[in-house]
C-alpha atoms as a PDB file:
ATOM      1  CA  UNK A   1     -13.538 -22.953   1.174  1.00  0.00           C
ATOM      2  CA  UNK A   2     -12.314 -20.177  -1.116  1.00  0.00           C
ATOM      3  CA  UNK A   3     -11.021 -17.187   1.593  1.00  0.00           C
ATOM      4  CA  UNK A   4     -11.555 -13.659   1.163  1.00  0.00           C
ATOM      5  CA  UNK A   5      -9.414 -10.802  -1.074  1.00  0.00           C
ATOM      6  CA  UNK A   6      -8.905  -7.786  -1.839  1.00  0.00           C
ATOM      7  CA  UNK A   7      -7.419  -5.532  -4.410  1.00  0.00           C
ATOM      8  CA  UNK A   8      -4.763  -3.742  -4.040  1.00  0.00           C
ATOM      9  CA  UNK A   9      -3.315  -0.694  -6.689  1.00  0.00           C
ATOM     10  CA  UNK A  10       0.586   1.126  -5.485  1.00  0.00           C
ATOM     11  CA  UNK A  11       1.162   3.880  -6.926  1.00  0.00           C
ATOM     12  CA  UNK A  12       4.831   5.295  -6.859  1.00  0.00           C
ATOM     13  CA  UNK A  13       4.910   9.475  -6.984  1.00  0.00           C
ATOM     14  CA  UNK A  14       6.977  12.270  -6.035  1.00  0.00           C
ATOM     15  CA  UNK A  15       6.483  12.970  -2.353  1.00  0.00           C
ATOM     16  CA  UNK A  16       5.046  16.423  -2.564  1.00  0.00           C
ATOM     17  CA  UNK A  17       1.918  14.451  -4.710  1.00  0.00           C
ATOM     18  CA  UNK A  18       1.437  11.713  -2.275  1.00  0.00           C
ATOM     19  CA  UNK A  19      -1.584  13.216  -0.334  1.00  0.00           C
ATOM     20  CA  UNK A  20      -3.484  14.092  -3.855  1.00  0.00           C
ATOM     21  CA  UNK A  21      -3.371  10.274  -5.021  1.00  0.00           C
ATOM     22  CA  UNK A  22      -4.212   8.743  -1.896  1.00  0.00           C
ATOM     23  CA  UNK A  23      -7.173  11.543  -2.069  1.00  0.00           C
ATOM     24  CA  UNK A  24      -7.476  10.102  -5.420  1.00  0.00           C
ATOM     25  CA  UNK A  25      -8.002   6.379  -4.351  1.00  0.00           C
ATOM     26  CA  UNK A  26      -9.939   7.093  -1.517  1.00  0.00           C
ATOM     27  CA  UNK A  27     -12.397   9.201  -3.683  1.00  0.00           C
ATOM     28  CA  UNK A  28     -13.240   6.198  -6.078  1.00  0.00           C
ATOM     29  CA  UNK A  29     -13.813   3.853  -3.429  1.00  0.00           C
ATOM     30  CA  UNK A  30     -10.714   2.645  -1.476  1.00  0.00           C
ATOM     31  CA  UNK A  31     -11.691   0.728   1.697  1.00  0.00           C
ATOM     32  CA  UNK A  32      -8.323   1.270   3.266  1.00  0.00           C
ATOM     33  CA  UNK A  33      -5.123   3.694   2.100  1.00  0.00           C
ATOM     34  CA  UNK A  34      -1.606   3.837   3.341  1.00  0.00           C
ATOM     35  CA  UNK A  35       1.438   5.942   2.470  1.00  0.00           C
ATOM     36  CA  UNK A  36       4.920   4.100   2.638  1.00  0.00           C
ATOM     37  CA  UNK A  37       7.010   6.510   4.178  1.00  0.00           C
ATOM     38  CA  UNK A  38       9.232   4.496   6.451  1.00  0.00           C
ATOM     39  CA  UNK A  39      13.154   4.816   5.607  1.00  0.00           C
ATOM     40  CA  UNK A  40      12.700   7.730   2.990  1.00  0.00           C
ATOM     41  CA  UNK A  41      14.968  10.207   2.357  1.00  0.00           C
ATOM     42  CA  UNK A  42      13.584  13.339   1.599  1.00  0.00           C
ATOM     43  CA  UNK A  43      12.523  14.016  -1.939  1.00  0.00           C
ATOM     44  CA  UNK A  44      12.682  10.247  -2.174  1.00  0.00           C
ATOM     45  CA  UNK A  45       9.180   8.877  -3.989  1.00  0.00           C
ATOM     46  CA  UNK A  46       6.660   7.576  -2.287  1.00  0.00           C
ATOM     47  CA  UNK A  47       4.525   4.517  -2.544  1.00  0.00           C
ATOM     48  CA  UNK A  48       0.837   4.885  -1.909  1.00  0.00           C
ATOM     49  CA  UNK A  49      -1.617   1.771  -1.558  1.00  0.00           C
ATOM     50  CA  UNK A  50      -5.224   1.658  -1.870  1.00  0.00           C
ATOM     51  CA  UNK A  51      -7.138  -1.265  -0.957  1.00  0.00           C
ATOM     52  CA  UNK A  52     -10.285  -2.355  -3.053  1.00  0.00           C
ATOM     53  CA  UNK A  53     -13.351  -4.757  -2.437  1.00  0.00           C
ATOM     54  CA  UNK A  54     -13.792  -5.214  -6.182  1.00  0.00           C
ATOM     55  CA  UNK A  55     -11.290  -4.961  -9.247  1.00  0.00           C
ATOM     56  CA  UNK A  56     -10.395  -1.917 -10.342  1.00  0.00           C
ATOM     57  CA  UNK A  57      -9.028  -0.501 -13.636  1.00  0.00           C
ATOM     58  CA  UNK A  58      -6.110   1.600 -14.817  1.00  0.00           C
ATOM     59  CA  UNK A  59      -7.903   4.005 -16.658  1.00  0.00           C
ATOM     60  CA  UNK A  60     -10.036   4.494 -13.148  1.00  0.00           C
ATOM     61  CA  UNK A  61      -6.877   5.073 -11.383  1.00  0.00           C
ATOM     62  CA  UNK A  62      -5.719   7.296 -13.906  1.00  0.00           C
ATOM     63  CA  UNK A  63      -8.595   9.638 -14.453  1.00  0.00           C
ATOM     64  CA  UNK A  64      -9.290   9.702 -10.277  1.00  0.00           C
ATOM     65  CA  UNK A  65      -5.422  10.740  -9.948  1.00  0.00           C
ATOM     66  CA  UNK A  66      -5.685  13.264 -13.228  1.00  0.00           C
ATOM     67  CA  UNK A  67      -8.219  15.028 -11.711  1.00  0.00           C
ATOM     68  CA  UNK A  68      -6.722  15.591  -7.999  1.00  0.00           C
ATOM     69  CA  UNK A  69      -3.481  16.713  -9.800  1.00  0.00           C
ATOM     70  CA  UNK A  70      -5.602  19.087 -12.107  1.00  0.00           C
ATOM     71  CA  UNK A  71      -7.357  20.552  -9.057  1.00  0.00           C
ATOM     72  CA  UNK A  72      -3.888  20.953  -7.601  1.00  0.00           C
ATOM     73  CA  UNK A  73      -1.819  21.996 -10.726  1.00  0.00           C
ATOM     74  CA  UNK A  74       0.149  18.956 -10.488  1.00  0.00           C
ATOM     75  CA  UNK A  75       2.346  17.492 -13.527  1.00  0.00           C
ATOM     76  CA  UNK A  76       1.492  14.144 -14.215  1.00  0.00           C
ATOM     77  CA  UNK A  77       4.709  13.340 -14.975  1.00  0.00           C
ATOM     78  CA  UNK A  78       5.514  12.951 -11.078  1.00  0.00           C
ATOM     79  CA  UNK A  79       3.564   9.528 -11.058  1.00  0.00           C
ATOM     80  CA  UNK A  80       6.488   6.581 -12.165  1.00  0.00           C
ATOM     81  CA  UNK A  81       4.600   3.445 -11.771  1.00  0.00           C
ATOM     82  CA  UNK A  82       1.234   2.176 -10.704  1.00  0.00           C
ATOM     83  CA  UNK A  83       0.569  -1.791 -10.045  1.00  0.00           C
ATOM     84  CA  UNK A  84      -1.829  -3.974  -9.097  1.00  0.00           C
ATOM     85  CA  UNK A  85      -2.671  -7.260  -7.104  1.00  0.00           C
ATOM     86  CA  UNK A  86      -4.532  -9.297  -5.751  1.00  0.00           C
ATOM     87  CA  UNK A  87      -4.700  -9.594  -1.892  1.00  0.00           C
ATOM     88  CA  UNK A  88      -5.336 -12.742   0.177  1.00  0.00           C
ATOM     89  CA  UNK A  89      -6.724 -12.688   3.328  1.00  0.00           C
ATOM     90  CA  UNK A  90      -3.724 -14.266   5.255  1.00  0.00           C
ATOM     91  CA  UNK A  91      -1.685 -11.559   3.252  1.00  0.00           C
ATOM     92  CA  UNK A  92      -3.786  -8.423   4.403  1.00  0.00           C
ATOM     93  CA  UNK A  93      -1.609  -8.119   7.902  1.00  0.00           C
ATOM     94  CA  UNK A  94       1.464  -8.301   5.848  1.00  0.00           C
ATOM     95  CA  UNK A  95      -0.178  -5.459   3.559  1.00  0.00           C
ATOM     96  CA  UNK A  96      -0.382  -3.487   6.256  1.00  0.00           C
ATOM     97  CA  UNK A  97       2.674  -3.847   8.441  1.00  0.00           C
ATOM     98  CA  UNK A  98       4.856  -2.902   5.234  1.00  0.00           C
ATOM     99  CA  UNK A  99       2.420   0.086   4.719  1.00  0.00           C
ATOM    100  CA  UNK A 100       1.444   1.149   8.124  1.00  0.00           C
ATOM    101  CA  UNK A 101       3.436   3.374  10.666  1.00  0.00           C
ATOM    102  CA  UNK A 102       2.520   5.156  13.649  1.00  0.00           C
ATOM    103  CA  UNK A 103       0.301   8.517  12.967  1.00  0.00           C
ATOM    104  CA  UNK A 104       0.417  11.487  15.003  1.00  0.00           C
ATOM    105  CA  UNK A 105      -2.953  13.533  15.361  1.00  0.00           C
ATOM    106  CA  UNK A 106      -3.373  16.184  17.946  1.00  0.00           C
ATOM    107  CA  UNK A 107      -3.063  14.831  21.343  1.00  0.00           C
ATOM    108  CA  UNK A 108      -3.220  11.133  19.983  1.00  0.00           C
ATOM    109  CA  UNK A 109      -0.243   8.507  18.372  1.00  0.00           C
ATOM    110  CA  UNK A 110      -2.589   6.516  16.104  1.00  0.00           C
ATOM    111  CA  UNK A 111      -0.241   3.086  16.155  1.00  0.00           C
ATOM    112  CA  UNK A 112      -0.997  -1.228  15.326  1.00  0.00           C
ATOM    113  CA  UNK A 113      -0.524  -3.386  17.802  1.00  0.00           C
ATOM    114  CA  UNK A 114       3.000  -4.335  16.467  1.00  0.00           C
ATOM    115  CA  UNK A 115       4.777  -1.290  16.560  1.00  0.00           C
ATOM    116  CA  UNK A 116       7.230   0.455  19.144  1.00  0.00           C
ATOM    117  CA  UNK A 117       6.090   3.962  19.948  1.00  0.00           C
ATOM    118  CA  UNK A 118       8.200   6.533  21.985  1.00  0.00           C
ATOM    119  CA  UNK A 119       6.386   8.084  24.921  1.00  0.00           C
ATOM    120  CA  UNK A 120       6.185  11.626  23.817  1.00  0.00           C
ATOM    121  CA  UNK A 121       3.338  12.533  26.088  1.00  0.00           C
ATOM    122  CA  UNK A 122       0.493  11.680  23.375  1.00  0.00           C
ATOM    123  CA  UNK A 123      -2.155   9.369  23.848  1.00  0.00           C
ATOM    124  CA  UNK A 124      -1.775   6.200  22.047  1.00  0.00           C
ATOM    125  CA  UNK A 125      -4.203   4.188  20.390  1.00  0.00           C
ATOM    126  CA  UNK A 126      -3.648   0.939  19.036  1.00  0.00           C
ATOM    127  CA  UNK A 127      -6.147  -0.377  16.065  1.00  0.00           C
ATOM    128  CA  UNK A 128      -5.486  -3.690  14.864  1.00  0.00           C
ATOM    129  CA  UNK A 129      -5.729  -3.528  11.146  1.00  0.00           C
ATOM    130  CA  UNK A 130      -8.609  -4.715   9.010  1.00  0.00           C
ATOM    131  CA  UNK A 131     -11.169  -3.767   6.318  1.00  0.00           C
ATOM    132  CA  UNK A 132     -13.341  -1.791   8.873  1.00  0.00           C
ATOM    133  CA  UNK A 133     -12.923   2.080   8.289  1.00  0.00           C
ATOM    134  CA  UNK A 134     -10.728   4.230  10.461  1.00  0.00           C
ATOM    135  CA  UNK A 135      -7.365   3.730  11.030  1.00  0.00           C
ATOM    136  CA  UNK A 136      -6.141   7.417  11.581  1.00  0.00           C
ATOM    137  CA  UNK A 137      -4.233   7.547   8.391  1.00  0.00           C
ATOM    138  CA  UNK A 138      -7.291   9.012   6.502  1.00  0.00           C
ATOM    139  CA  UNK A 139      -8.126  12.594   6.690  1.00  0.00           C
ATOM    140  CA  UNK A 140     -11.439  12.648   7.745  1.00  0.00           C
ATOM    141  CA  UNK A 141     -10.658  10.292  10.749  1.00  0.00           C
ATOM    142  CA  UNK A 142      -8.254  12.627  11.558  1.00  0.00           C
ATOM    143  CA  UNK A 143     -10.308  15.410  10.921  1.00  0.00           C
ATOM    144  CA  UNK A 144     -12.829  14.247  13.243  1.00  0.00           C
ATOM    145  CA  UNK A 145      -9.887  13.364  16.199  1.00  0.00           C
ATOM    146  CA  UNK A 146      -8.803  16.926  16.111  1.00  0.00           C
ATOM    147  CA  UNK A 147     -12.213  17.740  16.590  1.00  0.00           C
ATOM    148  CA  UNK A 148     -12.897  16.095  19.417  1.00  0.00           C
ATOM    149  CA  UNK A 149      -9.929  16.858  21.102  1.00  0.00           C
ATOM    150  CA  UNK A 150     -10.961  20.569  20.808  1.00  0.00           C
ATOM    151  CA  UNK A 151     -14.776  19.695  21.800  1.00  0.00           C
ATOM    152  CA  UNK A 152     -15.202  17.123  24.277  1.00  0.00           C
ATOM    153  CA  UNK A 153     -14.579  17.274  27.858  1.00  0.00           C
ATOM    154  CA  UNK A 154     -14.369  14.404  30.362  1.00  0.00           C
ATOM    155  CA  UNK A 155     -17.827  14.627  31.360  1.00  0.00           C
ATOM    156  CA  UNK A 156     -19.839  14.815  28.284  1.00  0.00           C
ATOM    157  CA  UNK A 157     -21.815  11.984  26.475  1.00  0.00           C
ATOM    158  CA  UNK A 158     -21.164  11.007  23.236  1.00  0.00           C
ATOM    159  CA  UNK A 159     -22.407   9.242  20.160  1.00  0.00           C
ATOM    160  CA  UNK A 160     -20.280   7.609  17.130  1.00  0.00           C
ATOM    161  CA  UNK A 161     -22.326   7.245  14.162  1.00  0.00           C
ATOM    162  CA  UNK A 162     -20.553   4.651  11.598  1.00  0.00           C
ATOM    163  CA  UNK A 163     -17.849   3.607  14.026  1.00  0.00           C
ATOM    164  CA  UNK A 164     -15.879   1.459  11.872  1.00  0.00           C
ATOM    165  CA  UNK A 165     -13.113   0.561  14.034  1.00  0.00           C
ATOM    166  CA  UNK A 166     -14.014   2.369  17.129  1.00  0.00           C
ATOM    167  CA  UNK A 167     -11.111   5.020  16.670  1.00  0.00           C
ATOM    168  CA  UNK A 168     -13.260   7.796  17.033  1.00  0.00           C
ATOM    169  CA  UNK A 169     -15.252   6.126  20.198  1.00  0.00           C
ATOM    170  CA  UNK A 170     -11.771   5.044  21.931  1.00  0.00           C
ATOM    171  CA  UNK A 171     -10.201   8.383  21.504  1.00  0.00           C
ATOM    172  CA  UNK A 172     -13.423   9.866  23.214  1.00  0.00           C
ATOM    173  CA  UNK A 173     -13.006   7.827  25.637  1.00  0.00           C
ATOM    174  CA  UNK A 174      -9.067   8.277  26.303  1.00  0.00           C
ATOM    175  CA  UNK A 175     -10.146  12.162  26.464  1.00  0.00           C
ATOM    176  CA  UNK A 176     -12.239  10.776  29.529  1.00  0.00           C
ATOM    177  CA  UNK A 177     -15.799  10.074  28.212  1.00  0.00           C
ATOM    178  CA  UNK A 178     -17.271   7.552  30.135  1.00  0.00           C
ATOM    179  CA  UNK A 179     -20.838   7.507  28.784  1.00  0.00           C
ATOM    180  CA  UNK A 180     -20.086   6.238  24.854  1.00  0.00           C
ATOM    181  CA  UNK A 181     -22.491   4.635  22.570  1.00  0.00           C
ATOM    182  CA  UNK A 182     -21.061   3.306  19.277  1.00  0.00           C
ATOM    183  CA  UNK A 183     -23.267   2.440  16.377  1.00  0.00           C
ATOM    184  CA  UNK A 184     -22.638   0.757  13.127  1.00  0.00           C
ATOM    185  CA  UNK A 185     -24.699  -1.507  10.658  1.00  0.00           C
ATOM    186  CA  UNK A 186     -22.357  -3.287   9.857  1.00  0.00           C
ATOM    187  CA  UNK A 187     -21.815  -6.693  12.096  1.00  0.00           C
ATOM    188  CA  UNK A 188     -18.154  -7.184  11.330  1.00  0.00           C
ATOM    189  CA  UNK A 189     -17.135  -3.297  12.076  1.00  0.00           C
ATOM    190  CA  UNK A 190     -19.095  -3.474  15.504  1.00  0.00           C
ATOM    191  CA  UNK A 191     -17.261  -6.628  16.625  1.00  0.00           C
ATOM    192  CA  UNK A 192     -13.778  -4.921  15.779  1.00  0.00           C
ATOM    193  CA  UNK A 193     -14.602  -2.012  17.273  1.00  0.00           C
ATOM    194  CA  UNK A 194     -15.355  -4.199  20.298  1.00  0.00           C
ATOM    195  CA  UNK A 195     -12.164  -5.843  20.315  1.00  0.00           C
ATOM    196  CA  UNK A 196      -9.837  -2.596  19.301  1.00  0.00           C
ATOM    197  CA  UNK A 197     -11.995  -0.910  22.769  1.00  0.00           C
ATOM    198  CA  UNK A 198     -10.668  -3.961  25.058  1.00  0.00           C
ATOM    199  CA  UNK A 199      -7.336  -3.990  23.785  1.00  0.00           C
ATOM    200  CA  UNK A 200      -7.103  -0.358  24.300  1.00  0.00           C
ATOM    201  CA  UNK A 201      -8.711  -0.573  27.864  1.00  0.00           C
ATOM    202  CA  UNK A 202     -11.483   1.257  27.154  1.00  0.00           C
ATOM    203  CA  UNK A 203     -14.375  -1.155  26.665  1.00  0.00           C
ATOM    204  CA  UNK A 204     -16.449  -0.289  29.908  1.00  0.00           C
ATOM    205  CA  UNK A 205     -16.837   3.321  28.734  1.00  0.00           C
ATOM    206  CA  UNK A 206     -18.416   2.318  25.194  1.00  0.00           C
ATOM    207  CA  UNK A 207     -21.737   0.778  24.556  1.00  0.00           C
ATOM    208  CA  UNK A 208     -21.578  -0.953  21.166  1.00  0.00           C
ATOM    209  CA  UNK A 209     -24.947  -1.324  18.719  1.00  0.00           C
ATOM    210  CA  UNK A 210     -24.982  -3.254  15.189  1.00  0.00           C
ATOM    211  CA  UNK A 211     -27.934  -0.418  14.508  1.00  0.00           C
ATOM    212  CA  UNK A 212     -27.880   3.477  14.000  1.00  0.00           C
ATOM    213  CA  UNK A 213     -29.855   5.944  15.844  1.00  0.00           C
ATOM    214  CA  UNK A 214     -33.544   6.694  15.302  1.00  0.00           C
ATOM    215  CA  UNK A 215     -35.938   8.944  16.869  1.00  0.00           C
ATOM    216  CA  UNK A 216     -36.267   6.842  20.060  1.00  0.00           C
ATOM    217  CA  UNK A 217     -32.144   7.249  20.716  1.00  0.00           C
ATOM    218  CA  UNK A 218     -31.706   9.043  23.820  1.00  0.00           C
ATOM    219  CA  UNK A 219     -29.838  12.300  22.714  1.00  0.00           C
ATOM    220  CA  UNK A 220     -25.990  13.118  23.834  1.00  0.00           C
ATOM    221  CA  UNK A 221     -23.958  16.125  24.179  1.00  0.00           C
ATOM    222  CA  UNK A 222     -21.551  15.297  21.281  1.00  0.00           C
ATOM    223  CA  UNK A 223     -22.370  13.506  18.351  1.00  0.00           C
ATOM    224  CA  UNK A 224     -19.808  12.111  15.684  1.00  0.00           C
ATOM    225  CA  UNK A 225     -20.538  11.052  12.275  1.00  0.00           C
ATOM    226  CA  UNK A 226     -17.711   9.971   9.653  1.00  0.00           C
ATOM    227  CA  UNK A 227     -19.523   8.909   7.184  1.00  0.00           C
ATOM    228  CA  UNK A 228     -20.276  10.364   3.275  1.00  0.00           C
ATOM    229  CA  UNK A 229     -22.537  13.101   2.051  1.00  0.00           C
ATOM    230  CA  UNK A 230     -25.134  11.072   0.812  1.00  0.00           C
ATOM    231  CA  UNK A 231     -25.786   9.383   4.178  1.00  0.00           C
ATOM    232  CA  UNK A 232     -25.504  12.257   6.332  1.00  0.00           C
ATOM    233  CA  UNK A 233     -27.979  14.309   4.311  1.00  0.00           C
ATOM    234  CA  UNK A 234     -31.043  12.608   4.961  1.00  0.00           C
ATOM    235  CA  UNK A 235     -30.237  12.027   8.505  1.00  0.00           C
ATOM    236  CA  UNK A 236     -29.207  15.404   9.258  1.00  0.00           C
ATOM    237  CA  UNK A 237     -32.115  16.906  11.215  1.00  0.00           C
ATOM    238  CA  UNK A 238     -32.028  14.119  13.466  1.00  0.00           C
ATOM    239  CA  UNK A 239     -28.155  14.351  13.962  1.00  0.00           C
ATOM    240  CA  UNK A 240     -28.954  18.041  14.706  1.00  0.00           C
ATOM    241  CA  UNK A 241     -31.741  17.166  17.313  1.00  0.00           C
ATOM    242  CA  UNK A 242     -30.328  14.430  19.076  1.00  0.00           C
ATOM    243  CA  UNK A 243     -26.473  15.968  19.522  1.00  0.00           C
ATOM    244  CA  UNK A 244     -27.153  18.747  22.795  1.00  0.00           C
ATOM    245  CA  UNK A 245     -24.056  20.642  22.198  1.00  0.00           C
ATOM    246  CA  UNK A 246     -21.721  19.736  19.383  1.00  0.00           C
ATOM    247  CA  UNK A 247     -22.381  17.903  16.287  1.00  0.00           C
ATOM    248  CA  UNK A 248     -18.986  17.089  14.089  1.00  0.00           C
ATOM    249  CA  UNK A 249     -19.726  15.552  10.405  1.00  0.00           C
ATOM    250  CA  UNK A 250     -16.439  14.557   7.970  1.00  0.00           C
ATOM    251  CA  UNK A 251     -16.486  12.195   5.041  1.00  0.00           C
ATOM    252  CA  UNK A 252     -17.347  15.364   3.118  1.00  0.00           C
ATOM    253  CA  UNK A 253     -15.225  16.511   0.240  1.00  0.00           C
ATOM    254  CA  UNK A 254     -14.219  20.144   0.172  1.00  0.00           C
ATOM    255  CA  UNK A 255     -16.556  20.436  -3.190  1.00  0.00           C
ATOM    256  CA  UNK A 256     -19.209  19.380  -0.936  1.00  0.00           C
ATOM    257  CA  UNK A 257     -18.813  22.125   1.275  1.00  0.00           C
ATOM    258  CA  UNK A 258     -21.597  24.327  -0.062  1.00  0.00           C
ATOM    259  CA  UNK A 259     -24.196  21.447  -0.026  1.00  0.00           C
ATOM    260  CA  UNK A 260     -23.596  20.626   3.629  1.00  0.00           C
ATOM    261  CA  UNK A 261     -24.190  24.289   4.278  1.00  0.00           C
ATOM    262  CA  UNK A 262     -27.571  24.467   2.698  1.00  0.00           C
ATOM    263  CA  UNK A 263     -28.437  21.193   4.155  1.00  0.00           C
ATOM    264  CA  UNK A 264     -27.421  22.414   7.659  1.00  0.00           C
ATOM    265  CA  UNK A 265     -29.794  25.621   6.593  1.00  0.00           C
ATOM    266  CA  UNK A 266     -32.723  23.933   6.112  1.00  0.00           C
ATOM    267  CA  UNK A 267     -32.190  22.329   9.641  1.00  0.00           C
ATOM    268  CA  UNK A 268     -31.984  26.114  10.817  1.00  0.00           C
ATOM    269  CA  UNK A 269     -28.711  25.859  11.114  1.00  0.00           C
ATOM    270  CA  UNK A 270     -26.213  28.498   9.620  1.00  0.00           C
ATOM    271  CA  UNK A 271     -23.112  28.888  12.489  1.00  0.00           C
ATOM    272  CA  UNK A 272     -20.855  26.351  11.378  1.00  0.00           C
ATOM    273  CA  UNK A 273     -16.975  25.517  11.831  1.00  0.00           C
ATOM    274  CA  UNK A 274     -15.087  23.823   8.959  1.00  0.00           C
ATOM    275  CA  UNK A 275     -11.340  22.699   9.131  1.00  0.00           C
ATOM    276  CA  UNK A 276      -9.544  20.715   6.439  1.00  0.00           C
ATOM    277  CA  UNK A 277      -7.376  18.862   5.036  1.00  0.00           C
ATOM    278  CA  UNK A 278      -6.342  17.442   1.835  1.00  0.00           C
ATOM    279  CA  UNK A 279      -9.592  17.505  -0.376  1.00  0.00           C
ATOM    280  CA  UNK A 280     -11.512  16.930   2.952  1.00  0.00           C
ATOM    281  CA  UNK A 281     -13.433  18.805   5.576  1.00  0.00           C
ATOM    282  CA  UNK A 282     -15.369  18.241   8.894  1.00  0.00           C
ATOM    283  CA  UNK A 283     -18.043  20.412   9.896  1.00  0.00           C
ATOM    284  CA  UNK A 284     -18.383  21.465  13.627  1.00  0.00           C
ATOM    285  CA  UNK A 285     -21.982  22.818  14.548  1.00  0.00           C
ATOM    286  CA  UNK A 286     -22.760  24.018  18.153  1.00  0.00           C
ATOM    287  CA  UNK A 287     -26.372  23.267  18.482  1.00  0.00           C
END
């Protein structure tokens, strides 16, 4: 039986342009990204890795990076190399070990199971590396984690739409919520999320569903949907209806802010809070 494999691209770039490269790789469909800054000195070039389910061309990579650089006014000569590789399933963990280090986000530290994390008083969330979305390194995940830390109180109920690795549900449980429903239409993601919840000691606080919400779903105090705007817009009226206090949306590019504001306006929602990181935004709505 032939094992599953992915396609990797590694871009060596000046440190100050690494986030722009990572954003470019995410925009063209990377299912995982990482910036290798381990043991690097200040000012030393970094390697930005992107992982794809389908082969991607050098032209696609260069065009995406060029657009990001133009927007951020970065010169193209900061990129020193672009390398491609095929990654077999058994090598996936090794790739993540090479690139992924613990990431501090708000009151959390997101870390892989093998890493040592010093006691800083922050809540540690351990996420097993895999192709499900949400390892804490992407800007949209970080924006959602920060929004949860500001808006979620221990007694609140929560719905996590598109749970991926379960990282947002796990964070909510660590913040004290004990009534969390996590939805994802991908069976593998649901299984991975449940395993991560078990590893973090919060599985009793979360119910996982291989499904999405509909008109029969019971409301929750807070709903978080870290998806993409093309998925969010059709279900926005339902999300607004089912969120009784807060609705947090992300997976939205900064250039799509007007589009999401207009869509919320159609739902009679105009009072929103927007937070930004890189090329991405999160939108928090008080319902």
